[in-house]
Structures are given as C-alpha cells and as structure tokens.
C-alpha atoms as a PDB file:
ATOM      1  CA  MET A   1      87.701 238.162 246.104  1.00  0.00           C
ATOM      2  CA  ALA A   2      86.428 236.595 243.337  1.00  0.00           C
ATOM      3  CA  PRO A   3      89.235 234.982 240.530  1.00  0.00           C
ATOM      4  CA  ASN A   4      90.397 237.107 237.532  1.00  0.00           C
ATOM      5  CA  LYS A   5      88.632 235.330 234.859  1.00  0.00           C
ATOM      6  CA  ASP A   6      89.911 235.347 231.630  1.00  0.00           C
ATOM      7  CA  HIS A   7      87.928 235.996 228.430  1.00  0.00           C
ATOM      8  CA  SER A   8      90.456 236.228 225.950  1.00  0.00           C
ATOM      9  CA  ILE A   9      89.844 233.812 223.050  1.00  0.00           C
ATOM     10  CA  SER A  10      92.435 232.016 220.066  1.00  0.00           C
ATOM     11  CA  LEU A  11      92.417 234.112 217.380  1.00  0.00           C
ATOM     12  CA  ARG A  12      91.744 230.447 215.781  1.00  0.00           C
ATOM     13  CA  ALA A  13      88.444 229.748 217.667  1.00  0.00           C
ATOM     14  CA  VAL A  14      87.199 233.453 215.919  1.00  0.00           C
ATOM     15  CA  ARG A  15      88.182 232.273 212.256  1.00  0.00           C
ATOM     16  CA  GLN A  16      86.404 229.198 212.984  1.00  0.00           C
ATOM     17  CA  LEU A  17      83.023 230.560 214.230  1.00  0.00           C
ATOM     18  CA  HIS A  18      83.355 233.145 210.970  1.00  0.00           C
ATOM     19  CA  ARG A  19      83.581 230.263 209.105  1.00  0.00           C
ATOM     20  CA  MET A  20      80.492 228.288 210.553  1.00  0.00           C
ATOM     21  CA  ARG A  21      78.688 231.997 210.473  1.00  0.00           C
ATOM     22  CA  THR A  22      79.639 231.722 206.672  1.00  0.00           C
ATOM     23  CA  PHE A  23      78.119 227.984 206.534  1.00  0.00           C
ATOM     24  CA  TYR A  24      75.344 228.587 208.140  1.00  0.00           C
ATOM     25  CA  ALA A  25      74.471 231.732 206.166  1.00  0.00           C
ATOM     26  CA  ALA A  26      74.598 229.837 203.074  1.00  0.00           C
ATOM     27  CA  ALA A  27      72.581 226.842 204.709  1.00  0.00           C
ATOM     28  CA  VAL A  28      69.715 229.884 205.522  1.00  0.00           C
ATOM     29  CA  LEU A  29      69.671 230.445 202.049  1.00  0.00           C
ATOM     30  CA  LEU A  30      69.308 227.170 200.731  1.00  0.00           C
ATOM     31  CA  TRP A  31      66.724 226.000 203.314  1.00  0.00           C
ATOM     32  CA  ALA A  32      64.891 229.399 202.275  1.00  0.00           C
ATOM     33  CA  ALA A  33      65.090 228.430 198.473  1.00  0.00           C
ATOM     34  CA  SER A  34      64.118 224.967 199.136  1.00  0.00           C
ATOM     35  CA  ALA A  35      60.889 226.061 201.215  1.00  0.00           C
ATOM     36  CA  ALA A  36      59.863 228.524 199.026  1.00  0.00           C
ATOM     37  CA  TRP A  37      60.247 225.974 195.790  1.00  0.00           C
ATOM     38  CA  VAL A  38      58.244 223.164 197.547  1.00  0.00           C
ATOM     39  CA  GLY A  39      55.709 225.810 199.337  1.00  0.00           C
ATOM     40  CA  TRP A  40      54.825 227.011 195.852  1.00  0.00           C
ATOM     41  CA  GLU A  41      54.628 223.051 193.854  1.00  0.00           C
ATOM     42  CA  HIS A  42      53.282 221.444 196.867  1.00  0.00           C
ATOM     43  CA  PRO A  43      52.035 224.029 199.404  1.00  0.00           C
ATOM     44  CA  GLY A  44      51.241 222.271 203.177  1.00  0.00           C
ATOM     45  CA  SER A  45      53.234 219.174 202.468  1.00  0.00           C
ATOM     46  CA  ARG A  46      55.356 216.892 204.335  1.00  0.00           C
ATOM     47  CA  GLN A  47      58.919 217.977 202.429  1.00  0.00           C
ATOM     48  CA  MET A  48      57.856 222.095 202.878  1.00  0.00           C
ATOM     49  CA  TRP A  49      57.479 221.641 206.330  1.00  0.00           C
ATOM     50  CA  VAL A  50      60.884 219.752 206.672  1.00  0.00           C
ATOM     51  CA  SER A  51      62.677 222.267 204.784  1.00  0.00           C
ATOM     52  CA  ALA A  52      60.903 225.629 206.952  1.00  0.00           C
ATOM     53  CA  LEU A  53      62.509 223.483 210.243  1.00  0.00           C
ATOM     54  CA  PHE A  54      65.428 223.254 208.511  1.00  0.00           C
ATOM     55  CA  LEU A  55      65.352 226.940 207.551  1.00  0.00           C
ATOM     56  CA  LEU A  56      64.658 227.721 211.703  1.00  0.00           C
ATOM     57  CA  VAL A  57      66.881 225.617 212.667  1.00  0.00           C
ATOM     58  CA  PHE A  58      70.012 227.221 210.548  1.00  0.00           C
ATOM     59  CA  ALA A  59      68.584 230.703 211.072  1.00  0.00           C
ATOM     60  CA  GLY A  60      68.884 229.882 214.854  1.00  0.00           C
ATOM     61  CA  LEU A  61      72.249 228.710 214.903  1.00  0.00           C
ATOM     62  CA  LEU A  62      73.457 231.551 212.573  1.00  0.00           C
ATOM     63  CA  ALA A  63      71.619 233.959 215.133  1.00  0.00           C
ATOM     64  CA  MET A  64      73.563 232.274 217.746  1.00  0.00           C
ATOM     65  CA  THR A  65      77.148 232.431 216.238  1.00  0.00           C
ATOM     66  CA  SER A  66      76.552 236.440 215.372  1.00  0.00           C
ATOM     67  CA  LEU A  67      75.603 236.663 218.701  1.00  0.00           C
ATOM     68  CA  TRP A  68      78.956 235.035 219.949  1.00  0.00           C
ATOM     69  CA  LEU A  69      80.703 236.671 217.480  1.00  0.00           C
ATOM     70  CA  ARG A  70      79.936 240.010 218.516  1.00  0.00           C
ATOM     71  CA  ARG A  71      79.804 239.320 222.419  1.00  0.00           C
ATOM     72  CA  LEU A  72      83.754 237.907 221.461  1.00  0.00           C
ATOM     73  CA  GLN A  73      84.763 241.438 219.769  1.00  0.00           C
ATOM     74  CA  ASP A  74      83.054 243.622 222.790  1.00  0.00           C
ATOM     75  CA  VAL A  75      85.232 241.852 225.384  1.00  0.00           C
ATOM     76  CA  GLY A  76      88.398 242.145 222.792  1.00  0.00           C
ATOM     77  CA  ALA A  77      87.712 245.593 221.919  1.00  0.00           C
ATOM     78  CA  ASP A  78      89.616 247.125 225.070  1.00  0.00           C
ATOM     79  CA  LYS A  79      92.693 245.200 224.855  1.00  0.00           C
ATOM     80  CA  PRO A  80      95.508 246.662 222.719  1.00  0.00           C
ATOM     81  CA  ALA A  81      95.755 244.919 219.361  1.00  0.00           C
ATOM     82  CA  HIS A  82      99.435 242.634 218.316  1.00  0.00           C
ATOM     83  CA  HIS A  83     100.416 244.085 215.352  1.00  0.00           C
ATOM     84  CA  ALA A  84     103.458 241.909 215.130  1.00  0.00           C
ATOM     85  CA  ALA A  85     105.532 239.941 216.610  1.00  0.00           C
ATOM     86  CA  PRO A  86     107.888 241.449 219.657  1.00  0.00           C
ATOM     87  CA  ARG A  87     111.118 242.337 218.398  1.00  0.00           C
ATOM     88  CA  ARG A  88     114.016 239.898 219.625  1.00  0.00           C
ATOM     89  CA  THR A  89     117.686 241.080 220.171  1.00  0.00           C
ATOM     90  CA  PRO A  90     120.287 239.542 218.432  1.00  0.00           C
ATOM     91  CA  SER A  91     121.920 236.485 220.252  1.00  0.00           C
ATOM     92  CA  ARG A  92     125.476 237.013 218.921  1.00  0.00           C
ATOM     93  CA  ARG A  93     126.810 240.295 217.829  1.00  0.00           C
ATOM     94  CA  GLN A  94     129.488 240.476 215.108  1.00  0.00           C
ATOM     95  CA  VAL A  95     132.609 241.912 215.591  1.00  0.00           C
ATOM     96  CA  ASN A  96     133.920 244.193 212.993  1.00  0.00           C
ATOM     97  CA  ALA A  97     137.841 243.788 212.126  1.00  0.00           C
END
C-alpha cells in the first residue's frame, strides 16, 4: 500500500502565496510600464531589453504562484471548513447555593 499523503497546507502559507502573487502582479505592471517607456524613448536599447527580461521573469513568477494557489484551492475544496474553534466544556462547574 502506498502511504497516505496529506495535501494540507497551512493557512499561513496560503496567505503568503496571496501576498507574493500581489507583489508579482505589481512588479509585472512596473516592468511593463518601464519596458514600454524605454522602448518608446530608446527602441532596441539595452535598458529596454533588461526591462523586458524582468517583465518576463515576474510574469513567470506570477503565473507559477497563481497556478499553485489554484491547485491548493482545488485540493482544499473537498475538506470541511472550520469556521470556529471547537467548543470546550468548562472544567469547573459553579454550584448554586
């Protein structure tokens, strides 16, 4: 028998992936604007190609992060959601006089 692999991931890791996706999206916008601006001012220059390279790198990182998040959401979709902490019974009971 194959060992049971637990595909659960912590909520902290998912939040971190969301933050990284936001960062990568901002970087894609920044480098796209930079590549367009430098390409307009100095077409074919080294600065334009560097901007285009950074745009490509961050677009790839954004795509990978989005793919990971989608896969994690698909894996976690069949698990029940825990909306509240489990209730604990009080350890001491007060006696009414």
